[in-house]
């Protein structure tokens, strides 16, 4: 399996969520970049978020967003120490 542009866009949307608060969601406006709008819709279809334009993370979505953000932290820190 490889990272397609669609998967990367979904990962980028998941990385936008603030995991410190379950009361804060996202709104992907219709005039946002088309790939972000489409990524949000796919995340909704996969039941990772509760609205097709963002909303809140589902339980599964929260797990996915945590994994994405941990991976980003690892990769960024590895780059900074190299």
C-alpha atoms as a PDB file:
ATOM      1  CA  UNK A   1       0.000   0.000   0.000  1.00  0.00           C
ATOM      2  CA  UNK A   2       1.280   3.445  -0.841  1.00  0.00           C
ATOM      3  CA  UNK A   3       0.277   6.979   0.090  1.00  0.00           C
ATOM      4  CA  UNK A   4      -2.006   8.307  -2.621  1.00  0.00           C
ATOM      5  CA  UNK A   5      -2.762  12.021  -2.880  1.00  0.00           C
ATOM      6  CA  UNK A   6      -6.240  11.245  -1.534  1.00  0.00           C
ATOM      7  CA  UNK A   7      -4.860   9.506   1.562  1.00  0.00           C
ATOM      8  CA  UNK A   8      -2.401  12.328   2.163  1.00  0.00           C
ATOM      9  CA  UNK A   9      -5.268  14.833   2.027  1.00  0.00           C
ATOM     10  CA  UNK A  10      -7.213  12.759   4.567  1.00  0.00           C
ATOM     11  CA  UNK A  11      -4.177  12.579   6.857  1.00  0.00           C
ATOM     12  CA  UNK A  12      -3.773  16.348   6.588  1.00  0.00           C
ATOM     13  CA  UNK A  13      -7.394  16.907   7.626  1.00  0.00           C
ATOM     14  CA  UNK A  14      -7.019  14.532  10.586  1.00  0.00           C
ATOM     15  CA  UNK A  15      -3.884  16.404  11.637  1.00  0.00           C
ATOM     16  CA  UNK A  16      -5.927  19.618  11.931  1.00  0.00           C
ATOM     17  CA  UNK A  17      -8.044  18.356  14.823  1.00  0.00           C
ATOM     18  CA  UNK A  18      -7.220  19.616  18.313  1.00  0.00           C
ATOM     19  CA  UNK A  19      -7.014  16.467  20.421  1.00  0.00           C
ATOM     20  CA  UNK A  20      -6.870  18.465  23.659  1.00  0.00           C
ATOM     21  CA  UNK A  21     -10.600  19.174  23.469  1.00  0.00           C
ATOM     22  CA  UNK A  22     -13.511  16.962  22.497  1.00  0.00           C
ATOM     23  CA  UNK A  23     -15.634  20.112  22.249  1.00  0.00           C
ATOM     24  CA  UNK A  24     -13.723  21.592  19.322  1.00  0.00           C
ATOM     25  CA  UNK A  25     -14.480  20.430  15.801  1.00  0.00           C
ATOM     26  CA  UNK A  26     -13.564  21.525  12.298  1.00  0.00           C
ATOM     27  CA  UNK A  27     -15.465  23.197   9.488  1.00  0.00           C
ATOM     28  CA  UNK A  28     -14.156  22.648   5.964  1.00  0.00           C
ATOM     29  CA  UNK A  29     -15.835  25.400   3.960  1.00  0.00           C
ATOM     30  CA  UNK A  30     -17.050  24.695   0.449  1.00  0.00           C
ATOM     31  CA  UNK A  31     -14.641  27.314  -0.917  1.00  0.00           C
ATOM     32  CA  UNK A  32     -11.674  25.481   0.639  1.00  0.00           C
ATOM     33  CA  UNK A  33      -9.255  23.612  -1.605  1.00  0.00           C
ATOM     34  CA  UNK A  34     -11.227  20.919  -3.468  1.00  0.00           C
ATOM     35  CA  UNK A  35      -8.928  18.166  -2.182  1.00  0.00           C
ATOM     36  CA  UNK A  36      -9.676  19.180   1.436  1.00  0.00           C
ATOM     37  CA  UNK A  37     -13.432  19.229   0.793  1.00  0.00           C
ATOM     38  CA  UNK A  38     -13.236  15.788  -0.833  1.00  0.00           C
ATOM     39  CA  UNK A  39     -11.002  14.455   1.955  1.00  0.00           C
ATOM     40  CA  UNK A  40     -13.503  15.539   4.606  1.00  0.00           C
ATOM     41  CA  UNK A  41     -16.284  13.813   2.693  1.00  0.00           C
ATOM     42  CA  UNK A  42     -14.265  10.583   2.506  1.00  0.00           C
ATOM     43  CA  UNK A  43     -13.492  10.755   6.239  1.00  0.00           C
ATOM     44  CA  UNK A  44     -17.222  11.150   6.865  1.00  0.00           C
ATOM     45  CA  UNK A  45     -17.983   8.185   4.610  1.00  0.00           C
ATOM     46  CA  UNK A  46     -15.414   6.160   6.577  1.00  0.00           C
ATOM     47  CA  UNK A  47     -17.160   7.218   9.830  1.00  0.00           C
ATOM     48  CA  UNK A  48     -14.106   9.064  11.166  1.00  0.00           C
ATOM     49  CA  UNK A  49     -15.915  12.407  11.433  1.00  0.00           C
ATOM     50  CA  UNK A  50     -19.584  13.102  12.101  1.00  0.00           C
ATOM     51  CA  UNK A  51     -20.303  15.644   9.336  1.00  0.00           C
ATOM     52  CA  UNK A  52     -19.368  15.609   5.633  1.00  0.00           C
ATOM     53  CA  UNK A  53     -17.748  19.046   6.018  1.00  0.00           C
ATOM     54  CA  UNK A  54     -15.853  18.346   9.228  1.00  0.00           C
ATOM     55  CA  UNK A  55     -17.675  18.379  12.505  1.00  0.00           C
ATOM     56  CA  UNK A  56     -16.315  16.289  15.335  1.00  0.00           C
ATOM     57  CA  UNK A  57     -14.190  13.188  15.423  1.00  0.00           C
ATOM     58  CA  UNK A  58     -15.943   9.903  16.062  1.00  0.00           C
ATOM     59  CA  UNK A  59     -14.314   7.467  18.473  1.00  0.00           C
ATOM     60  CA  UNK A  60     -12.572   5.747  15.552  1.00  0.00           C
ATOM     61  CA  UNK A  61     -11.664   9.135  14.094  1.00  0.00           C
ATOM     62  CA  UNK A  62     -10.081  10.200  17.359  1.00  0.00           C
ATOM     63  CA  UNK A  63      -7.918   7.068  17.329  1.00  0.00           C
ATOM     64  CA  UNK A  64      -6.926   7.793  13.722  1.00  0.00           C
ATOM     65  CA  UNK A  65      -6.161  11.462  14.428  1.00  0.00           C
ATOM     66  CA  UNK A  66      -4.028  10.514  17.435  1.00  0.00           C
ATOM     67  CA  UNK A  67      -2.057   8.061  15.304  1.00  0.00           C
ATOM     68  CA  UNK A  68      -1.559  10.647  12.562  1.00  0.00           C
ATOM     69  CA  UNK A  69      -0.398  13.288  15.008  1.00  0.00           C
ATOM     70  CA  UNK A  70       1.981  10.900  16.792  1.00  0.00           C
ATOM     71  CA  UNK A  71       3.488   9.863  13.455  1.00  0.00           C
ATOM     72  CA  UNK A  72       3.936  13.501  12.425  1.00  0.00           C
ATOM     73  CA  UNK A  73       5.647  14.271  15.724  1.00  0.00           C
ATOM     74  CA  UNK A  74       8.016  11.331  15.298  1.00  0.00           C
ATOM     75  CA  UNK A  75       8.869  12.234  11.709  1.00  0.00           C
ATOM     76  CA  UNK A  76       9.336  15.943  12.403  1.00  0.00           C
ATOM     77  CA  UNK A  77      11.490  15.322  15.477  1.00  0.00           C
ATOM     78  CA  UNK A  78      13.580  12.785  13.550  1.00  0.00           C
ATOM     79  CA  UNK A  79      14.164  15.384  10.823  1.00  0.00           C
ATOM     80  CA  UNK A  80      15.157  18.063  13.344  1.00  0.00           C
ATOM     81  CA  UNK A  81      17.695  15.807  15.081  1.00  0.00           C
ATOM     82  CA  UNK A  82      19.249  14.466  11.892  1.00  0.00           C
END
